[in-house]
C-alpha atoms as a PDB file:
ATOM      1  CA  UNK A   1     297.133  66.690  56.421  1.00  0.00           C
ATOM      2  CA  UNK A   2     298.728  68.903  59.020  1.00  0.00           C
ATOM      3  CA  UNK A   3     297.037  70.182  62.155  1.00  0.00           C
ATOM      4  CA  UNK A   4     296.904  73.623  60.508  1.00  0.00           C
ATOM      5  CA  UNK A   5     295.099  72.177  57.476  1.00  0.00           C
ATOM      6  CA  UNK A   6     292.644  70.388  59.756  1.00  0.00           C
ATOM      7  CA  UNK A   7     291.960  73.562  61.715  1.00  0.00           C
ATOM      8  CA  UNK A   8     291.421  75.558  58.507  1.00  0.00           C
ATOM      9  CA  UNK A   9     289.130  72.854  57.131  1.00  0.00           C
ATOM     10  CA  UNK A  10     287.131  72.856  60.374  1.00  0.00           C
ATOM     11  CA  UNK A  11     286.712  76.652  60.131  1.00  0.00           C
ATOM     12  CA  UNK A  12     285.499  76.353  56.529  1.00  0.00           C
ATOM     13  CA  UNK A  13     283.015  73.662  57.591  1.00  0.00           C
ATOM     14  CA  UNK A  14     281.759  75.851  60.442  1.00  0.00           C
ATOM     15  CA  UNK A  15     281.374  78.837  58.100  1.00  0.00           C
ATOM     16  CA  UNK A  16     279.430  76.769  55.562  1.00  0.00           C
ATOM     17  CA  UNK A  17     277.168  75.410  58.325  1.00  0.00           C
ATOM     18  CA  UNK A  18     276.405  78.990  59.380  1.00  0.00           C
ATOM     19  CA  UNK A  19     275.547  79.862  55.771  1.00  0.00           C
ATOM     20  CA  UNK A  20     273.298  76.796  55.604  1.00  0.00           C
ATOM     21  CA  UNK A  21     271.459  77.831  58.783  1.00  0.00           C
ATOM     22  CA  UNK A  22     270.909  81.305  57.341  1.00  0.00           C
ATOM     23  CA  UNK A  23     269.497  79.854  54.108  1.00  0.00           C
ATOM     24  CA  UNK A  24     267.241  77.468  55.997  1.00  0.00           C
ATOM     25  CA  UNK A  25     265.901  80.326  58.111  1.00  0.00           C
ATOM     26  CA  UNK A  26     265.524  83.035  55.467  1.00  0.00           C
ATOM     27  CA  UNK A  27     265.919  81.380  52.062  1.00  0.00           C
ATOM     28  CA  UNK A  28     268.514  84.014  51.191  1.00  0.00           C
ATOM     29  CA  UNK A  29     271.801  85.396  52.430  1.00  0.00           C
ATOM     30  CA  UNK A  30     272.294  88.732  54.131  1.00  0.00           C
ATOM     31  CA  UNK A  31     274.527  91.271  52.400  1.00  0.00           C
ATOM     32  CA  UNK A  32     277.109  90.929  55.195  1.00  0.00           C
ATOM     33  CA  UNK A  33     277.244  87.156  54.686  1.00  0.00           C
ATOM     34  CA  UNK A  34     277.709  87.584  50.939  1.00  0.00           C
ATOM     35  CA  UNK A  35     280.510  90.095  51.469  1.00  0.00           C
ATOM     36  CA  UNK A  36     282.255  87.832  53.971  1.00  0.00           C
ATOM     37  CA  UNK A  37     282.117  84.874  51.560  1.00  0.00           C
ATOM     38  CA  UNK A  38     283.117  86.911  48.518  1.00  0.00           C
ATOM     39  CA  UNK A  39     286.142  88.458  50.187  1.00  0.00           C
ATOM     40  CA  UNK A  40     287.400  85.234  51.801  1.00  0.00           C
ATOM     41  CA  UNK A  41     290.060  83.506  49.683  1.00  0.00           C
ATOM     42  CA  UNK A  42     289.146  80.151  51.236  1.00  0.00           C
ATOM     43  CA  UNK A  43     285.962  80.189  49.135  1.00  0.00           C
ATOM     44  CA  UNK A  44     287.713  80.786  45.809  1.00  0.00           C
ATOM     45  CA  UNK A  45     286.130  78.649  43.112  1.00  0.00           C
ATOM     46  CA  UNK A  46     282.630  78.959  44.583  1.00  0.00           C
ATOM     47  CA  UNK A  47     281.823  82.196  42.730  1.00  0.00           C
ATOM     48  CA  UNK A  48     279.168  80.558  40.507  1.00  0.00           C
ATOM     49  CA  UNK A  49     277.318  79.304  43.597  1.00  0.00           C
ATOM     50  CA  UNK A  50     277.587  82.689  45.291  1.00  0.00           C
ATOM     51  CA  UNK A  51     276.242  84.374  42.166  1.00  0.00           C
ATOM     52  CA  UNK A  52     273.276  81.966  42.174  1.00  0.00           C
ATOM     53  CA  UNK A  53     272.697  82.866  45.827  1.00  0.00           C
ATOM     54  CA  UNK A  54     272.363  86.502  44.673  1.00  0.00           C
ATOM     55  CA  UNK A  55     275.694  87.627  46.069  1.00  0.00           C
ATOM     56  CA  UNK A  56     277.664  90.189  44.089  1.00  0.00           C
ATOM     57  CA  UNK A  57     280.851  88.476  42.960  1.00  0.00           C
ATOM     58  CA  UNK A  58     283.614  89.209  40.532  1.00  0.00           C
ATOM     59  CA  UNK A  59     284.666  86.841  37.783  1.00  0.00           C
ATOM     60  CA  UNK A  60     286.198  83.635  39.032  1.00  0.00           C
ATOM     61  CA  UNK A  61     289.874  83.064  38.368  1.00  0.00           C
ATOM     62  CA  UNK A  62     289.985  80.632  35.430  1.00  0.00           C
ATOM     63  CA  UNK A  63     293.109  79.067  36.942  1.00  0.00           C
ATOM     64  CA  UNK A  64     291.353  78.100  40.171  1.00  0.00           C
ATOM     65  CA  UNK A  65     292.220  74.456  40.807  1.00  0.00           C
ATOM     66  CA  UNK A  66     289.408  71.924  41.002  1.00  0.00           C
ATOM     67  CA  UNK A  67     287.696  72.017  44.361  1.00  0.00           C
ATOM     68  CA  UNK A  68     287.356  68.837  46.401  1.00  0.00           C
ATOM     69  CA  UNK A  69     284.132  66.952  45.751  1.00  0.00           C
ATOM     70  CA  UNK A  70     282.896  67.608  49.291  1.00  0.00           C
ATOM     71  CA  UNK A  71     283.167  71.383  48.808  1.00  0.00           C
ATOM     72  CA  UNK A  72     281.396  71.235  45.415  1.00  0.00           C
ATOM     73  CA  UNK A  73     278.540  69.179  46.886  1.00  0.00           C
ATOM     74  CA  UNK A  74     278.268  71.622  49.803  1.00  0.00           C
ATOM     75  CA  UNK A  75     277.984  74.534  47.345  1.00  0.00           C
ATOM     76  CA  UNK A  76     275.225  72.696  45.469  1.00  0.00           C
ATOM     77  CA  UNK A  77     273.478  72.023  48.760  1.00  0.00           C
ATOM     78  CA  UNK A  78     273.466  75.738  49.572  1.00  0.00           C
ATOM     79  CA  UNK A  79     272.001  76.603  46.182  1.00  0.00           C
ATOM     80  CA  UNK A  80     269.304  73.949  46.609  1.00  0.00           C
ATOM     81  CA  UNK A  81     268.443  75.253  50.084  1.00  0.00           C
ATOM     82  CA  UNK A  82     267.841  78.696  48.597  1.00  0.00           C
ATOM     83  CA  UNK A  83     265.076  77.140  46.470  1.00  0.00           C
ATOM     84  CA  UNK A  84     263.555  75.333  49.436  1.00  0.00           C
ATOM     85  CA  UNK A  85     264.505  71.973  47.911  1.00  0.00           C
ATOM     86  CA  UNK A  86     264.520  70.475  51.413  1.00  0.00           C
ATOM     87  CA  UNK A  87     260.882  71.393  52.048  1.00  0.00           C
ATOM     88  CA  UNK A  88     257.560  69.891  50.944  1.00  0.00           C
ATOM     89  CA  UNK A  89     256.976  73.049  48.853  1.00  0.00           C
ATOM     90  CA  UNK A  90     260.103  74.111  46.939  1.00  0.00           C
ATOM     91  CA  UNK A  91     260.074  77.639  45.459  1.00  0.00           C
ATOM     92  CA  UNK A  92     261.317  77.483  41.881  1.00  0.00           C
ATOM     93  CA  UNK A  93     260.878  78.229  38.214  1.00  0.00           C
ATOM     94  CA  UNK A  94     262.260  76.346  35.237  1.00  0.00           C
ATOM     95  CA  UNK A  95     264.664  79.251  34.675  1.00  0.00           C
ATOM     96  CA  UNK A  96     265.927  78.999  38.258  1.00  0.00           C
ATOM     97  CA  UNK A  97     266.599  75.289  37.849  1.00  0.00           C
ATOM     98  CA  UNK A  98     268.437  75.969  34.576  1.00  0.00           C
ATOM     99  CA  UNK A  99     270.522  78.589  36.380  1.00  0.00           C
ATOM    100  CA  UNK A 100     271.091  76.171  39.266  1.00  0.00           C
ATOM    101  CA  UNK A 101     272.410  73.454  36.957  1.00  0.00           C
ATOM    102  CA  UNK A 102     274.604  75.929  35.040  1.00  0.00           C
ATOM    103  CA  UNK A 103     275.979  77.371  38.283  1.00  0.00           C
ATOM    104  CA  UNK A 104     276.695  73.912  39.676  1.00  0.00           C
ATOM    105  CA  UNK A 105     278.555  72.981  36.493  1.00  0.00           C
ATOM    106  CA  UNK A 106     280.599  76.215  36.601  1.00  0.00           C
ATOM    107  CA  UNK A 107     282.122  75.465  40.025  1.00  0.00           C
ATOM    108  CA  UNK A 108     285.827  74.644  39.743  1.00  0.00           C
ATOM    109  CA  UNK A 109     286.149  70.901  39.042  1.00  0.00           C
ATOM    110  CA  UNK A 110     282.386  70.341  38.853  1.00  0.00           C
ATOM    111  CA  UNK A 111     280.842  67.001  38.021  1.00  0.00           C
ATOM    112  CA  UNK A 112     277.202  66.602  37.127  1.00  0.00           C
ATOM    113  CA  UNK A 113     276.606  64.247  40.020  1.00  0.00           C
ATOM    114  CA  UNK A 114     277.631  66.906  42.587  1.00  0.00           C
ATOM    115  CA  UNK A 115     274.200  68.490  42.262  1.00  0.00           C
ATOM    116  CA  UNK A 116     272.404  65.136  42.296  1.00  0.00           C
ATOM    117  CA  UNK A 117     274.312  64.036  45.392  1.00  0.00           C
ATOM    118  CA  UNK A 118     273.450  67.256  47.227  1.00  0.00           C
ATOM    119  CA  UNK A 119     269.751  66.915  46.360  1.00  0.00           C
ATOM    120  CA  UNK A 120     269.683  63.219  47.289  1.00  0.00           C
ATOM    121  CA  UNK A 121     271.163  64.019  50.714  1.00  0.00           C
ATOM    122  CA  UNK A 122     268.650  66.824  51.334  1.00  0.00           C
ATOM    123  CA  UNK A 123     265.814  64.466  50.444  1.00  0.00           C
ATOM    124  CA  UNK A 124     266.979  62.183  53.241  1.00  0.00           C
ATOM    125  CA  UNK A 125     265.524  64.799  55.600  1.00  0.00           C
ATOM    126  CA  UNK A 126     262.005  64.354  54.201  1.00  0.00           C
ATOM    127  CA  UNK A 127     260.422  61.466  56.029  1.00  0.00           C
ATOM    128  CA  UNK A 128     256.840  62.172  54.989  1.00  0.00           C
ATOM    129  CA  UNK A 129     255.366  61.118  51.671  1.00  0.00           C
ATOM    130  CA  UNK A 130     256.495  63.118  48.691  1.00  0.00           C
ATOM    131  CA  UNK A 131     254.261  66.074  47.836  1.00  0.00           C
ATOM    132  CA  UNK A 132     253.033  67.088  44.382  1.00  0.00           C
ATOM    133  CA  UNK A 133     255.195  70.221  44.616  1.00  0.00           C
ATOM    134  CA  UNK A 134     258.278  68.105  45.383  1.00  0.00           C
ATOM    135  CA  UNK A 135     257.460  65.742  42.525  1.00  0.00           C
ATOM    136  CA  UNK A 136     257.243  68.623  40.097  1.00  0.00           C
ATOM    137  CA  UNK A 137     260.533  70.116  41.309  1.00  0.00           C
ATOM    138  CA  UNK A 138     262.376  66.786  41.308  1.00  0.00           C
ATOM    139  CA  UNK A 139     261.014  65.821  37.895  1.00  0.00           C
ATOM    140  CA  UNK A 140     262.304  69.090  36.390  1.00  0.00           C
ATOM    141  CA  UNK A 141     265.665  68.899  38.167  1.00  0.00           C
ATOM    142  CA  UNK A 142     266.048  65.258  37.103  1.00  0.00           C
ATOM    143  CA  UNK A 143     265.134  66.162  33.516  1.00  0.00           C
ATOM    144  CA  UNK A 144     267.723  68.901  33.352  1.00  0.00           C
ATOM    145  CA  UNK A 145     270.413  66.699  34.863  1.00  0.00           C
ATOM    146  CA  UNK A 146     269.530  63.941  32.364  1.00  0.00           C
ATOM    147  CA  UNK A 147     269.666  66.468  29.501  1.00  0.00           C
ATOM    148  CA  UNK A 148     273.168  67.543  30.553  1.00  0.00           C
ATOM    149  CA  UNK A 149     274.220  63.906  30.825  1.00  0.00           C
ATOM    150  CA  UNK A 150     273.033  63.284  27.260  1.00  0.00           C
ATOM    151  CA  UNK A 151     275.169  66.214  26.133  1.00  0.00           C
ATOM    152  CA  UNK A 152     278.278  64.268  27.038  1.00  0.00           C
ATOM    153  CA  UNK A 153     278.620  64.220  30.796  1.00  0.00           C
ATOM    154  CA  UNK A 154     279.630  60.810  32.068  1.00  0.00           C
ATOM    155  CA  UNK A 155     277.019  58.484  33.546  1.00  0.00           C
ATOM    156  CA  UNK A 156     279.726  56.696  35.551  1.00  0.00           C
ATOM    157  CA  UNK A 157     279.687  59.499  38.091  1.00  0.00           C
ATOM    158  CA  UNK A 158     276.155  58.394  39.037  1.00  0.00           C
ATOM    159  CA  UNK A 159     277.224  54.940  40.230  1.00  0.00           C
ATOM    160  CA  UNK A 160     277.025  56.138  43.847  1.00  0.00           C
ATOM    161  CA  UNK A 161     273.246  56.616  43.614  1.00  0.00           C
ATOM    162  CA  UNK A 162     272.684  53.074  42.316  1.00  0.00           C
ATOM    163  CA  UNK A 163     274.910  51.694  45.081  1.00  0.00           C
ATOM    164  CA  UNK A 164     273.043  53.768  47.682  1.00  0.00           C
ATOM    165  CA  UNK A 165     269.660  52.486  46.455  1.00  0.00           C
ATOM    166  CA  UNK A 166     270.908  48.901  46.699  1.00  0.00           C
ATOM    167  CA  UNK A 167     272.064  49.523  50.276  1.00  0.00           C
ATOM    168  CA  UNK A 168     269.802  48.155  53.040  1.00  0.00           C
ATOM    169  CA  UNK A 169     269.588  51.636  54.603  1.00  0.00           C
ATOM    170  CA  UNK A 170     266.116  53.117  54.283  1.00  0.00           C
ATOM    171  CA  UNK A 171     265.416  55.415  51.354  1.00  0.00           C
ATOM    172  CA  UNK A 172     262.722  58.076  51.467  1.00  0.00           C
ATOM    173  CA  UNK A 173     260.004  58.171  48.831  1.00  0.00           C
ATOM    174  CA  UNK A 174     261.430  61.495  47.630  1.00  0.00           C
ATOM    175  CA  UNK A 175     264.905  59.956  47.202  1.00  0.00           C
ATOM    176  CA  UNK A 176     263.491  57.034  45.221  1.00  0.00           C
ATOM    177  CA  UNK A 177     261.457  59.392  43.030  1.00  0.00           C
ATOM    178  CA  UNK A 178     264.493  61.597  42.369  1.00  0.00           C
ATOM    179  CA  UNK A 179     266.680  58.596  41.534  1.00  0.00           C
ATOM    180  CA  UNK A 180     264.086  57.309  39.063  1.00  0.00           C
ATOM    181  CA  UNK A 181     264.156  60.658  37.262  1.00  0.00           C
ATOM    182  CA  UNK A 182     267.931  61.127  37.400  1.00  0.00           C
ATOM    183  CA  UNK A 183     269.571  57.745  36.801  1.00  0.00           C
ATOM    184  CA  UNK A 184     270.351  56.830  33.215  1.00  0.00           C
ATOM    185  CA  UNK A 185     267.977  54.245  31.730  1.00  0.00           C
ATOM    186  CA  UNK A 186     269.352  50.720  31.834  1.00  0.00           C
END
C-alpha cells in the first residue's frame, strides 16, 4: 500500500468515526452528513447502509467490487448504532431488524457474519448486566441471522465468534447472550 493509499484510508476512517459520533449523539444523521456521504465516491458500495440510515441515495452500481471486510463491518456498526444497539435500551421493531439484515446483506461483498461481528464488538462496550430490552433485541437479531444462515449462508464465516469466546479475554454477558443466539447449534 502506498503512502497515498494510507492517507486516503486514514481520511475514510476519520470520516466514518465522525459519522459514528453523530449517530451516537443523535441516533440519526443530519441531511448535510447524508449528502456528503452520498456524493463521495470513496463510499461507493455502502448505499444499502446509507439507505437504512435514512439518507437519500441512488441505486448502487451493480458492478461495485466487493468492499473490504473492515468497511462492511463498519457500515453494519453504523446501522446498529442508529438503533441504539450499543445501549441498554435499543430502539427497534422487527421490521427494522429485517431491514437491517437485508441492508447488511446488500452491501458489496457482504457476508452474514459482518453484521454479527459489528454487534459483537458494540456489545463489548456494555460492561453492566444485560437488560431485558437488550435480550429482546439480541434474541430477534440472532434469530434473523440464524434464519438467513439456514437459507444457505455459510456457517464457516462464524468461526471467529467461537474462537473469540474461547479466548481468555473477558466477554460481557451481552456478548455471551448474543453468541448463544447467533452461533449454529453444534
